[in-house]
Amino acid sequence: MRPIATTRSASGMSTGRLAVWWVIGSEIVIFGGLLGSYIMYRLANAQWSEPGFAGSTNPWIGLLNTFVLLTSSLFAVLGHYAAEHEGDGPKAARYLYMTFGGGLVFLLVKTFEWSTEISHGLTITKNTFWSFYYTAAGIHALHVIAGMIIMLFVAHTAKRGLELHRVELIGIYWHFVDIVWIFLFPLLYIAK
């Protein structure tokens, strides 16, 4: 017997999928407000164009993390395909574990990056850019961690062939985390 959450629907959509989209909608408000205020503040203040004010992030590290997250999203898609089209829970779980690994690599690179920046005196109190940088990247990292925790739970149940519909739900959330990074990368690493 399937759980009621997978059989009920609202607006032609399962309640689980609807719940994930509601969460993402609220997260868009959070990140949209943060990034919107960053852009508006940056456009309104001439100090952003001063040498060294916002030019100390390493774009190669940001590019590496972009590649890592996009690759992990590919694994999430493959996991969803294995769960939905093949009904293969253990295969879907293996892909989710690879997605989890991508999140772990992302966090390790971010830890290395932040420890290097902080050791050079580039802390959250250095100037307005670094305040925005650590706030936006930190909130994003917390979302990566949350997604990884949920992914382990979903992978564990999928490995036993249970609740395979959840593979899609964690995939939707993970793609959202990647899309946020796609906005953060150019704003924090490329635009000087």
N, C-alpha and C. Protein backbone atom coordinates (compact mmCIF):
# COMPACT_ATOMS: atom_id res chain seq x y z
N MET A 1 0.84 -1.19 0.00
CA MET A 1 0.00 0.00 0.00
C MET A 1 0.88 1.25 0.00
N ARG A 2 0.59 2.17 -0.88
CA ARG A 2 1.38 3.41 -0.98
C ARG A 2 0.92 4.40 0.07
N PRO A 3 1.87 5.18 0.62
CA PRO A 3 1.49 6.20 1.61
C PRO A 3 0.55 7.22 1.00
N ILE A 4 -0.30 7.79 1.81
CA ILE A 4 -1.31 8.74 1.33
C ILE A 4 -0.67 9.96 0.68
N ALA A 5 0.52 10.35 1.13
CA ALA A 5 1.18 11.54 0.56
C ALA A 5 1.54 11.34 -0.91
N THR A 6 1.70 10.09 -1.35
CA THR A 6 2.04 9.87 -2.75
C THR A 6 0.81 9.68 -3.62
N THR A 7 -0.34 9.45 -3.00
CA THR A 7 -1.55 9.23 -3.79
C THR A 7 -2.44 10.46 -3.85
N ARG A 8 -2.35 11.33 -2.85
CA ARG A 8 -3.15 12.56 -2.88
C ARG A 8 -2.51 13.54 -3.84
N SER A 9 -3.34 14.42 -4.36
CA SER A 9 -2.78 15.46 -5.21
C SER A 9 -3.56 16.75 -5.01
N ALA A 10 -2.86 17.83 -5.24
CA ALA A 10 -3.48 19.16 -5.21
C ALA A 10 -3.07 19.83 -6.50
N SER A 11 -4.01 20.34 -7.20
CA SER A 11 -3.72 21.01 -8.48
C SER A 11 -3.06 20.06 -9.46
N GLY A 12 -3.38 18.78 -9.40
CA GLY A 12 -2.80 17.82 -10.33
C GLY A 12 -1.38 17.44 -10.02
N MET A 13 -0.89 17.79 -8.84
CA MET A 13 0.48 17.53 -8.45
C MET A 13 0.46 16.79 -7.11
N SER A 14 1.37 15.82 -6.93
CA SER A 14 1.41 15.10 -5.66
C SER A 14 1.73 16.09 -4.53
N THR A 15 1.26 15.77 -3.34
CA THR A 15 1.48 16.69 -2.22
C THR A 15 2.97 16.82 -1.88
N GLY A 16 3.74 15.76 -2.07
CA GLY A 16 5.18 15.84 -1.82
C GLY A 16 5.86 16.82 -2.75
N ARG A 17 5.54 16.73 -4.02
CA ARG A 17 6.13 17.64 -5.01
C ARG A 17 5.68 19.08 -4.75
N LEU A 18 4.40 19.24 -4.41
CA LEU A 18 3.89 20.58 -4.09
C LEU A 18 4.62 21.17 -2.89
N ALA A 19 4.87 20.34 -1.88
CA ALA A 19 5.58 20.81 -0.69
C ALA A 19 6.99 21.27 -1.03
N VAL A 20 7.68 20.51 -1.87
CA VAL A 20 9.04 20.90 -2.27
C VAL A 20 9.01 22.24 -3.00
N TRP A 21 8.04 22.44 -3.88
CA TRP A 21 7.95 23.71 -4.61
C TRP A 21 7.61 24.87 -3.67
N TRP A 22 6.82 24.60 -2.62
CA TRP A 22 6.55 25.66 -1.64
C TRP A 22 7.83 26.03 -0.89
N VAL A 23 8.61 25.05 -0.53
CA VAL A 23 9.89 25.31 0.15
C VAL A 23 10.80 26.13 -0.77
N ILE A 24 10.89 25.71 -2.02
CA ILE A 24 11.75 26.43 -2.97
C ILE A 24 11.24 27.86 -3.17
N GLY A 25 9.94 28.04 -3.23
CA GLY A 25 9.38 29.40 -3.35
C GLY A 25 9.80 30.27 -2.19
N SER A 26 9.77 29.75 -0.99
CA SER A 26 10.19 30.55 0.17
C SER A 26 11.69 30.82 0.13
N GLU A 27 12.46 29.87 -0.35
CA GLU A 27 13.91 30.06 -0.45
C GLU A 27 14.26 31.08 -1.54
N ILE A 28 13.47 31.14 -2.58
CA ILE A 28 13.69 32.16 -3.62
C ILE A 28 13.53 33.54 -3.02
N VAL A 29 12.57 33.70 -2.12
CA VAL A 29 12.39 35.00 -1.46
C VAL A 29 13.63 35.35 -0.64
N ILE A 30 14.17 34.39 0.09
CA ILE A 30 15.37 34.64 0.91
C ILE A 30 16.56 35.01 0.03
N PHE A 31 16.89 34.15 -0.92
CA PHE A 31 18.04 34.41 -1.77
C PHE A 31 17.81 35.61 -2.69
N GLY A 32 16.58 35.76 -3.18
CA GLY A 32 16.27 36.91 -4.04
C GLY A 32 16.46 38.22 -3.30
N GLY A 33 16.01 38.28 -2.05
CA GLY A 33 16.21 39.49 -1.25
C GLY A 33 17.67 39.76 -0.98
N LEU A 34 18.42 38.72 -0.64
CA LEU A 34 19.84 38.89 -0.36
C LEU A 34 20.61 39.33 -1.61
N LEU A 35 20.39 38.65 -2.71
CA LEU A 35 21.11 39.00 -3.94
C LEU A 35 20.63 40.32 -4.53
N GLY A 36 19.33 40.59 -4.40
CA GLY A 36 18.82 41.89 -4.86
C GLY A 36 19.43 43.04 -4.08
N SER A 37 19.53 42.89 -2.76
CA SER A 37 20.13 43.96 -1.96
C SER A 37 21.62 44.09 -2.27
N TYR A 38 22.29 42.97 -2.52
CA TYR A 38 23.71 43.01 -2.91
C TYR A 38 23.89 43.81 -4.20
N ILE A 39 23.09 43.50 -5.21
CA ILE A 39 23.20 44.19 -6.49
C ILE A 39 22.87 45.68 -6.35
N MET A 40 21.79 45.99 -5.64
CA MET A 40 21.41 47.40 -5.47
C MET A 40 22.48 48.17 -4.69
N TYR A 41 23.00 47.58 -3.65
CA TYR A 41 24.04 48.25 -2.86
C TYR A 41 25.30 48.45 -3.69
N ARG A 42 25.63 47.44 -4.47
CA ARG A 42 26.82 47.53 -5.31
C ARG A 42 26.68 48.62 -6.37
N LEU A 43 25.52 48.72 -6.99
CA LEU A 43 25.30 49.73 -8.02
C LEU A 43 25.26 51.15 -7.44
N ALA A 44 24.85 51.27 -6.19
CA ALA A 44 24.68 52.59 -5.59
C ALA A 44 25.94 53.12 -4.90
N ASN A 45 26.99 52.31 -4.80
CA ASN A 45 28.18 52.74 -4.07
C ASN A 45 29.43 52.62 -4.93
N ALA A 46 30.13 53.73 -5.08
CA ALA A 46 31.32 53.78 -5.92
C ALA A 46 32.47 52.97 -5.36
N GLN A 47 32.47 52.68 -4.07
CA GLN A 47 33.59 51.97 -3.45
C GLN A 47 33.83 50.58 -4.04
N TRP A 48 32.80 50.01 -4.70
CA TRP A 48 32.95 48.68 -5.28
C TRP A 48 33.97 48.67 -6.40
N SER A 49 34.19 49.82 -7.04
CA SER A 49 35.15 49.86 -8.14
C SER A 49 36.57 50.16 -7.67
N GLU A 50 36.76 50.40 -6.38
CA GLU A 50 38.11 50.66 -5.85
C GLU A 50 38.94 49.39 -5.94
N PRO A 51 40.23 49.54 -6.28
CA PRO A 51 41.10 48.35 -6.38
C PRO A 51 41.13 47.57 -5.06
N GLY A 52 40.96 46.26 -5.16
CA GLY A 52 41.05 45.39 -4.00
C GLY A 52 39.80 45.29 -3.16
N PHE A 53 38.79 46.14 -3.41
CA PHE A 53 37.60 46.11 -2.55
C PHE A 53 36.86 44.78 -2.68
N ALA A 54 36.59 44.38 -3.92
CA ALA A 54 35.83 43.14 -4.12
C ALA A 54 36.55 42.18 -5.06
N GLY A 55 37.84 42.37 -5.25
CA GLY A 55 38.54 41.56 -6.25
C GLY A 55 39.41 40.46 -5.71
N SER A 56 39.20 40.01 -4.48
CA SER A 56 40.11 39.04 -3.89
C SER A 56 39.60 37.60 -3.92
N THR A 57 38.40 37.36 -4.40
CA THR A 57 37.94 35.98 -4.50
C THR A 57 38.65 35.30 -5.67
N ASN A 58 38.82 34.00 -5.55
CA ASN A 58 39.52 33.23 -6.57
C ASN A 58 38.50 32.63 -7.55
N PRO A 59 38.43 33.17 -8.77
CA PRO A 59 37.42 32.66 -9.72
C PRO A 59 37.65 31.20 -10.11
N TRP A 60 38.90 30.71 -10.02
CA TRP A 60 39.16 29.31 -10.37
C TRP A 60 38.55 28.36 -9.34
N ILE A 61 38.59 28.77 -8.09
CA ILE A 61 37.95 27.95 -7.05
C ILE A 61 36.43 27.98 -7.24
N GLY A 62 35.89 29.15 -7.55
CA GLY A 62 34.46 29.25 -7.82
C GLY A 62 34.05 28.42 -9.02
N LEU A 63 34.89 28.42 -10.05
CA LEU A 63 34.61 27.62 -11.25
C LEU A 63 34.67 26.12 -10.93
N LEU A 64 35.65 25.72 -10.13
CA LEU A 64 35.74 24.32 -9.71
C LEU A 64 34.47 23.90 -8.97
N ASN A 65 34.03 24.73 -8.03
CA ASN A 65 32.83 24.39 -7.29
C ASN A 65 31.59 24.39 -8.18
N THR A 66 31.56 25.24 -9.19
CA THR A 66 30.45 25.22 -10.15
C THR A 66 30.42 23.88 -10.89
N PHE A 67 31.58 23.44 -11.35
CA PHE A 67 31.68 22.15 -12.04
C PHE A 67 31.25 21.00 -11.12
N VAL A 68 31.70 21.04 -9.88
CA VAL A 68 31.35 19.99 -8.91
C VAL A 68 29.84 19.92 -8.70
N LEU A 69 29.20 21.08 -8.49
CA LEU A 69 27.76 21.08 -8.26
C LEU A 69 26.98 20.64 -9.49
N LEU A 70 27.40 21.10 -10.67
CA LEU A 70 26.69 20.70 -11.89
C LEU A 70 26.84 19.20 -12.14
N THR A 71 28.01 18.66 -11.85
CA THR A 71 28.21 17.21 -11.99
C THR A 71 27.33 16.46 -11.00
N SER A 72 27.25 16.97 -9.77
CA SER A 72 26.40 16.31 -8.78
C SER A 72 24.93 16.36 -9.20
N SER A 73 24.52 17.42 -9.88
CA SER A 73 23.15 17.50 -10.38
C SER A 73 22.90 16.45 -11.46
N LEU A 74 23.91 16.17 -12.27
CA LEU A 74 23.78 15.12 -13.27
C LEU A 74 23.51 13.78 -12.57
N PHE A 75 24.24 13.51 -11.50
CA PHE A 75 24.01 12.27 -10.75
C PHE A 75 22.60 12.23 -10.17
N ALA A 76 22.09 13.38 -9.72
CA ALA A 76 20.72 13.43 -9.20
C ALA A 76 19.71 13.09 -10.30
N VAL A 77 19.95 13.59 -11.51
CA VAL A 77 19.07 13.28 -12.64
C VAL A 77 19.13 11.78 -12.96
N LEU A 78 20.33 11.23 -12.98
CA LEU A 78 20.47 9.80 -13.26
C LEU A 78 19.80 8.96 -12.18
N GLY A 79 19.89 9.41 -10.93
CA GLY A 79 19.20 8.72 -9.85
C GLY A 79 17.70 8.76 -10.02
N HIS A 80 17.19 9.91 -10.41
CA HIS A 80 15.74 10.04 -10.66
C HIS A 80 15.31 9.12 -11.79
N TYR A 81 16.11 9.07 -12.85
CA TYR A 81 15.78 8.19 -13.97
C TYR A 81 15.76 6.73 -13.53
N ALA A 82 16.76 6.34 -12.75
CA ALA A 82 16.81 4.95 -12.27
C ALA A 82 15.60 4.62 -11.41
N ALA A 83 15.18 5.57 -10.58
CA ALA A 83 14.04 5.33 -9.69
C ALA A 83 12.72 5.31 -10.46
N GLU A 84 12.53 6.30 -11.34
CA GLU A 84 11.23 6.45 -11.98
C GLU A 84 11.05 5.55 -13.18
N HIS A 85 12.05 5.44 -14.04
CA HIS A 85 11.88 4.70 -15.29
C HIS A 85 12.32 3.25 -15.19
N GLU A 86 13.26 2.97 -14.32
CA GLU A 86 13.75 1.60 -14.20
C GLU A 86 13.24 0.92 -12.93
N GLY A 87 12.73 1.71 -11.98
CA GLY A 87 12.28 1.14 -10.72
C GLY A 87 13.40 0.50 -9.92
N ASP A 88 14.62 0.94 -10.16
CA ASP A 88 15.81 0.35 -9.54
C ASP A 88 16.27 1.21 -8.37
N GLY A 89 15.76 0.90 -7.18
CA GLY A 89 16.10 1.67 -5.99
C GLY A 89 17.57 1.63 -5.65
N PRO A 90 18.23 0.45 -5.66
CA PRO A 90 19.67 0.43 -5.34
C PRO A 90 20.51 1.27 -6.31
N LYS A 91 20.17 1.26 -7.58
CA LYS A 91 20.89 2.08 -8.55
C LYS A 91 20.65 3.56 -8.27
N ALA A 92 19.40 3.92 -8.00
CA ALA A 92 19.08 5.31 -7.66
C ALA A 92 19.86 5.73 -6.42
N ALA A 93 19.95 4.84 -5.44
CA ALA A 93 20.70 5.16 -4.21
C ALA A 93 22.17 5.40 -4.52
N ARG A 94 22.76 4.59 -5.39
CA ARG A 94 24.18 4.80 -5.75
C ARG A 94 24.39 6.18 -6.36
N TYR A 95 23.47 6.61 -7.22
CA TYR A 95 23.58 7.94 -7.82
C TYR A 95 23.39 9.03 -6.76
N LEU A 96 22.50 8.79 -5.82
CA LEU A 96 22.32 9.79 -4.75
C LEU A 96 23.56 9.87 -3.87
N TYR A 97 24.22 8.75 -3.64
CA TYR A 97 25.47 8.78 -2.88
C TYR A 97 26.54 9.56 -3.63
N MET A 98 26.55 9.44 -4.96
CA MET A 98 27.50 10.23 -5.76
C MET A 98 27.14 11.71 -5.70
N THR A 99 25.85 12.02 -5.71
CA THR A 99 25.42 13.41 -5.55
C THR A 99 25.87 13.94 -4.20
N PHE A 100 25.68 13.14 -3.16
CA PHE A 100 26.15 13.49 -1.82
C PHE A 100 27.67 13.75 -1.85
N GLY A 101 28.41 12.90 -2.54
CA GLY A 101 29.86 13.08 -2.66
C GLY A 101 30.21 14.41 -3.31
N GLY A 102 29.44 14.81 -4.32
CA GLY A 102 29.66 16.11 -4.94
C GLY A 102 29.44 17.24 -3.96
N GLY A 103 28.40 17.12 -3.14
CA GLY A 103 28.16 18.13 -2.10
C GLY A 103 29.30 18.18 -1.11
N LEU A 104 29.84 17.01 -0.76
CA LEU A 104 30.96 16.95 0.18
C LEU A 104 32.21 17.60 -0.41
N VAL A 105 32.48 17.33 -1.68
CA VAL A 105 33.63 17.97 -2.34
C VAL A 105 33.43 19.49 -2.36
N PHE A 106 32.22 19.93 -2.69
CA PHE A 106 31.92 21.36 -2.70
C PHE A 106 32.25 21.98 -1.34
N LEU A 107 31.80 21.34 -0.27
CA LEU A 107 32.03 21.88 1.08
C LEU A 107 33.51 21.86 1.46
N LEU A 108 34.24 20.83 1.03
CA LEU A 108 35.68 20.77 1.32
C LEU A 108 36.43 21.89 0.60
N VAL A 109 36.06 22.11 -0.66
CA VAL A 109 36.68 23.22 -1.41
C VAL A 109 36.34 24.55 -0.76
N LYS A 110 35.08 24.70 -0.35
CA LYS A 110 34.64 25.94 0.30
C LYS A 110 35.40 26.14 1.63
N THR A 111 35.62 25.06 2.38
CA THR A 111 36.37 25.15 3.63
C THR A 111 37.81 25.60 3.38
N PHE A 112 38.45 25.01 2.37
CA PHE A 112 39.81 25.42 2.00
C PHE A 112 39.82 26.89 1.60
N GLU A 113 38.87 27.27 0.76
CA GLU A 113 38.79 28.65 0.27
C GLU A 113 38.62 29.63 1.43
N TRP A 114 37.66 29.35 2.31
CA TRP A 114 37.40 30.27 3.42
C TRP A 114 38.58 30.33 4.38
N SER A 115 39.21 29.21 4.67
CA SER A 115 40.34 29.24 5.60
C SER A 115 41.49 30.06 5.02
N THR A 116 41.68 29.96 3.71
CA THR A 116 42.72 30.77 3.05
C THR A 116 42.37 32.25 3.12
N GLU A 117 41.13 32.59 2.80
CA GLU A 117 40.72 34.00 2.82
C GLU A 117 40.79 34.58 4.23
N ILE A 118 40.32 33.83 5.20
CA ILE A 118 40.34 34.33 6.58
C ILE A 118 41.77 34.49 7.07
N SER A 119 42.66 33.57 6.69
CA SER A 119 44.07 33.69 7.11
C SER A 119 44.74 34.93 6.51
N HIS A 120 44.18 35.45 5.42
CA HIS A 120 44.70 36.67 4.80
C HIS A 120 43.95 37.91 5.29
N GLY A 121 43.15 37.77 6.33
CA GLY A 121 42.45 38.91 6.91
C GLY A 121 41.15 39.29 6.22
N LEU A 122 40.70 38.45 5.30
CA LEU A 122 39.46 38.75 4.56
C LEU A 122 38.30 38.11 5.30
N THR A 123 37.85 38.76 6.35
CA THR A 123 36.78 38.24 7.20
C THR A 123 35.46 38.96 6.90
N ILE A 124 34.43 38.53 7.57
CA ILE A 124 33.10 39.11 7.37
C ILE A 124 33.05 40.59 7.76
N THR A 125 33.99 41.04 8.59
CA THR A 125 34.02 42.43 9.03
C THR A 125 34.98 43.29 8.21
N LYS A 126 35.63 42.73 7.20
CA LYS A 126 36.61 43.48 6.39
C LYS A 126 35.96 44.67 5.69
N ASN A 127 34.90 44.43 4.97
CA ASN A 127 34.14 45.49 4.30
C ASN A 127 32.79 44.92 3.86
N THR A 128 32.01 45.73 3.18
CA THR A 128 30.65 45.33 2.80
C THR A 128 30.65 44.14 1.85
N PHE A 129 31.60 44.11 0.91
CA PHE A 129 31.65 42.98 0.00
C PHE A 129 31.80 41.67 0.76
N TRP A 130 32.75 41.62 1.69
CA TRP A 130 33.00 40.38 2.41
C TRP A 130 31.82 40.01 3.32
N SER A 131 31.11 41.00 3.80
CA SER A 131 29.90 40.70 4.58
C SER A 131 28.87 40.01 3.70
N PHE A 132 28.63 40.54 2.51
CA PHE A 132 27.70 39.90 1.59
C PHE A 132 28.22 38.53 1.16
N TYR A 133 29.51 38.46 0.87
CA TYR A 133 30.11 37.21 0.40
C TYR A 133 29.91 36.09 1.40
N TYR A 134 30.31 36.31 2.63
CA TYR A 134 30.20 35.25 3.64
C TYR A 134 28.74 34.94 3.98
N THR A 135 27.89 35.94 3.97
CA THR A 135 26.47 35.70 4.26
C THR A 135 25.83 34.86 3.16
N ALA A 136 25.99 35.28 1.91
CA ALA A 136 25.37 34.57 0.79
C ALA A 136 25.95 33.17 0.63
N ALA A 137 27.28 33.07 0.63
CA ALA A 137 27.92 31.76 0.46
C ALA A 137 27.65 30.86 1.67
N GLY A 138 27.57 31.46 2.85
CA GLY A 138 27.29 30.68 4.05
C GLY A 138 25.89 30.13 4.07
N ILE A 139 24.91 30.94 3.71
CA ILE A 139 23.52 30.46 3.64
C ILE A 139 23.41 29.37 2.57
N HIS A 140 24.10 29.57 1.46
CA HIS A 140 24.09 28.55 0.42
C HIS A 140 24.71 27.25 0.94
N ALA A 141 25.83 27.35 1.63
CA ALA A 141 26.48 26.15 2.18
C ALA A 141 25.55 25.42 3.16
N LEU A 142 24.79 26.16 3.95
CA LEU A 142 23.84 25.52 4.85
C LEU A 142 22.76 24.75 4.07
N HIS A 143 22.36 25.30 2.94
CA HIS A 143 21.39 24.60 2.09
C HIS A 143 22.00 23.34 1.47
N VAL A 144 23.28 23.42 1.12
CA VAL A 144 23.97 22.23 0.61
C VAL A 144 23.99 21.15 1.70
N ILE A 145 24.34 21.53 2.92
CA ILE A 145 24.38 20.58 4.03
C ILE A 145 23.00 19.96 4.28
N ALA A 146 21.96 20.79 4.29
CA ALA A 146 20.60 20.28 4.50
C ALA A 146 20.22 19.28 3.40
N GLY A 147 20.55 19.63 2.16
CA GLY A 147 20.26 18.73 1.04
C GLY A 147 21.00 17.41 1.16
N MET A 148 22.25 17.48 1.62
CA MET A 148 23.04 16.26 1.78
C MET A 148 22.46 15.34 2.86
N ILE A 149 22.02 15.93 3.95
CA ILE A 149 21.43 15.13 5.03
C ILE A 149 20.16 14.44 4.55
N ILE A 150 19.29 15.19 3.89
CA ILE A 150 18.05 14.61 3.37
C ILE A 150 18.37 13.56 2.32
N MET A 151 19.39 13.82 1.50
CA MET A 151 19.75 12.89 0.44
C MET A 151 20.19 11.54 1.01
N LEU A 152 20.93 11.56 2.12
CA LEU A 152 21.34 10.30 2.74
C LEU A 152 20.13 9.49 3.20
N PHE A 153 19.16 10.17 3.77
CA PHE A 153 17.93 9.50 4.21
C PHE A 153 17.19 8.90 3.02
N VAL A 154 17.04 9.69 1.97
CA VAL A 154 16.32 9.23 0.78
C VAL A 154 17.08 8.07 0.13
N ALA A 155 18.41 8.17 0.05
CA ALA A 155 19.21 7.09 -0.54
C ALA A 155 19.07 5.80 0.27
N HIS A 156 19.05 5.94 1.58
CA HIS A 156 18.92 4.76 2.45
C HIS A 156 17.60 4.03 2.19
N THR A 157 16.51 4.78 2.05
CA THR A 157 15.23 4.12 1.78
C THR A 157 15.15 3.62 0.34
N ALA A 158 15.73 4.37 -0.59
CA ALA A 158 15.71 3.95 -2.00
C ALA A 158 16.52 2.67 -2.19
N LYS A 159 17.59 2.52 -1.44
CA LYS A 159 18.43 1.33 -1.55
C LYS A 159 17.61 0.07 -1.24
N ARG A 160 16.61 0.20 -0.40
CA ARG A 160 15.74 -0.93 -0.06
C ARG A 160 14.52 -0.99 -0.99
N GLY A 161 14.49 -0.11 -2.00
CA GLY A 161 13.38 -0.11 -2.95
C GLY A 161 12.13 0.57 -2.42
N LEU A 162 12.28 1.39 -1.39
CA LEU A 162 11.14 2.06 -0.77
C LEU A 162 11.11 3.54 -1.12
N GLU A 163 9.92 4.09 -1.19
CA GLU A 163 9.72 5.54 -1.34
C GLU A 163 10.53 6.13 -2.51
N LEU A 164 10.51 5.46 -3.65
CA LEU A 164 11.32 5.92 -4.78
C LEU A 164 10.89 7.28 -5.30
N HIS A 165 9.66 7.71 -5.03
CA HIS A 165 9.21 9.03 -5.48
C HIS A 165 10.01 10.14 -4.80
N ARG A 166 10.61 9.85 -3.65
CA ARG A 166 11.40 10.87 -2.95
C ARG A 166 12.71 11.21 -3.66
N VAL A 167 13.18 10.31 -4.52
CA VAL A 167 14.40 10.59 -5.29
C VAL A 167 14.19 11.83 -6.15
N GLU A 168 13.02 11.92 -6.77
CA GLU A 168 12.72 13.11 -7.57
C GLU A 168 12.66 14.36 -6.70
N LEU A 169 12.06 14.25 -5.52
CA LEU A 169 11.87 15.42 -4.65
C LEU A 169 13.20 15.98 -4.18
N ILE A 170 14.12 15.12 -3.75
CA ILE A 170 15.43 15.63 -3.32
C ILE A 170 16.20 16.16 -4.53
N GLY A 171 15.96 15.58 -5.70
CA GLY A 171 16.60 16.09 -6.91
C GLY A 171 16.15 17.50 -7.25
N ILE A 172 14.87 17.77 -7.09
CA ILE A 172 14.35 19.12 -7.35
C ILE A 172 15.02 20.11 -6.42
N TYR A 173 15.10 19.76 -5.15
CA TYR A 173 15.74 20.64 -4.17
C TYR A 173 17.22 20.85 -4.53
N TRP A 174 17.91 19.77 -4.91
CA TRP A 174 19.33 19.88 -5.23
C TRP A 174 19.57 20.76 -6.45
N HIS A 175 18.68 20.67 -7.43
CA HIS A 175 18.82 21.54 -8.61
C HIS A 175 18.63 23.00 -8.22
N PHE A 176 17.72 23.25 -7.29
CA PHE A 176 17.55 24.62 -6.80
C PHE A 176 18.84 25.13 -6.16
N VAL A 177 19.48 24.31 -5.34
CA VAL A 177 20.75 24.69 -4.71
C VAL A 177 21.78 25.02 -5.79
N ASP A 178 21.82 24.24 -6.86
CA ASP A 178 22.75 24.51 -7.96
C ASP A 178 22.43 25.81 -8.67
N ILE A 179 21.16 26.07 -8.90
CA ILE A 179 20.77 27.30 -9.58
C ILE A 179 21.16 28.52 -8.76
N VAL A 180 21.00 28.44 -7.44
CA VAL A 180 21.43 29.55 -6.57
C VAL A 180 22.92 29.78 -6.77
N TRP A 181 23.71 28.71 -6.83
CA TRP A 181 25.15 28.86 -7.02
C TRP A 181 25.47 29.49 -8.37
N ILE A 182 24.67 29.16 -9.39
CA ILE A 182 24.88 29.75 -10.72
C ILE A 182 24.73 31.26 -10.66
N PHE A 183 23.88 31.77 -9.77
CA PHE A 183 23.76 33.22 -9.57
C PHE A 183 24.90 33.75 -8.69
N LEU A 184 25.28 33.00 -7.67
CA LEU A 184 26.32 33.48 -6.76
C LEU A 184 27.69 33.54 -7.44
N PHE A 185 27.99 32.55 -8.26
CA PHE A 185 29.32 32.47 -8.87
C PHE A 185 29.69 33.75 -9.63
N PRO A 186 28.90 34.20 -10.59
CA PRO A 186 29.32 35.42 -11.30
C PRO A 186 29.30 36.67 -10.41
N LEU A 187 28.34 36.74 -9.49
CA LEU A 187 28.24 37.95 -8.64
C LEU A 187 29.41 38.05 -7.67
N LEU A 188 29.85 36.94 -7.11
CA LEU A 188 30.87 36.97 -6.07
C LEU A 188 32.29 36.69 -6.59
N TYR A 189 32.42 36.07 -7.77
CA TYR A 189 33.73 35.69 -8.24
C TYR A 189 34.17 36.38 -9.53
N ILE A 190 33.23 36.75 -10.39
CA ILE A 190 33.60 37.30 -11.69
C ILE A 190 33.43 38.81 -11.75
N ALA A 191 32.27 39.32 -11.34
CA ALA A 191 32.00 40.76 -11.40
C ALA A 191 32.89 41.47 -10.39
N LYS A 192 33.80 42.23 -10.88
CA LYS A 192 34.77 42.92 -9.98
C LYS A 192 34.43 44.37 -9.83
